[in-house]
Amino acid sequence: MATLTEVKNGVRIEKDFLGEKEVPNYAYYGVQTMRAVENFPITGYKIHEGLIKAFAIVKKAAALANTDVGRLELNKGGAIAEAAQEILDGKWHDHFIVDPIQGGAGTS
């Protein structure tokens, strides 16, 4: 899990088990995403808007279903569904910055 260690000059310093990394203050992503972008600039493409929206649809549906059956607290389910709707509305697409070919696998 990443922790915030410092904020200065338009960046925040986040720390995880691999060390510290600067992340822009405006970013809704963190240290692992920054590493993935730096370590794996594979194609230079962005994730397609349709795929981002598909992820948001699934996330919203899962939040609502799990809230309905009592597996997720109402306030958490509502917050997840609201955030997913904001993604569907296009609000956060600029924060999906990892190359679409980058698979992760814990290397960042």
Foldseek 3Di string as FASTA:
>chain_A
DKDWDQDDDQWTWIADPVGIDTDGPVAPDDDLQVCLVVVDVDPVDFPDLVVQLVVLVVQLVVLVVCCVVVNDPPVVSVVSNVVSVCSNVVNCRVNRGHDPVDDCPPPD
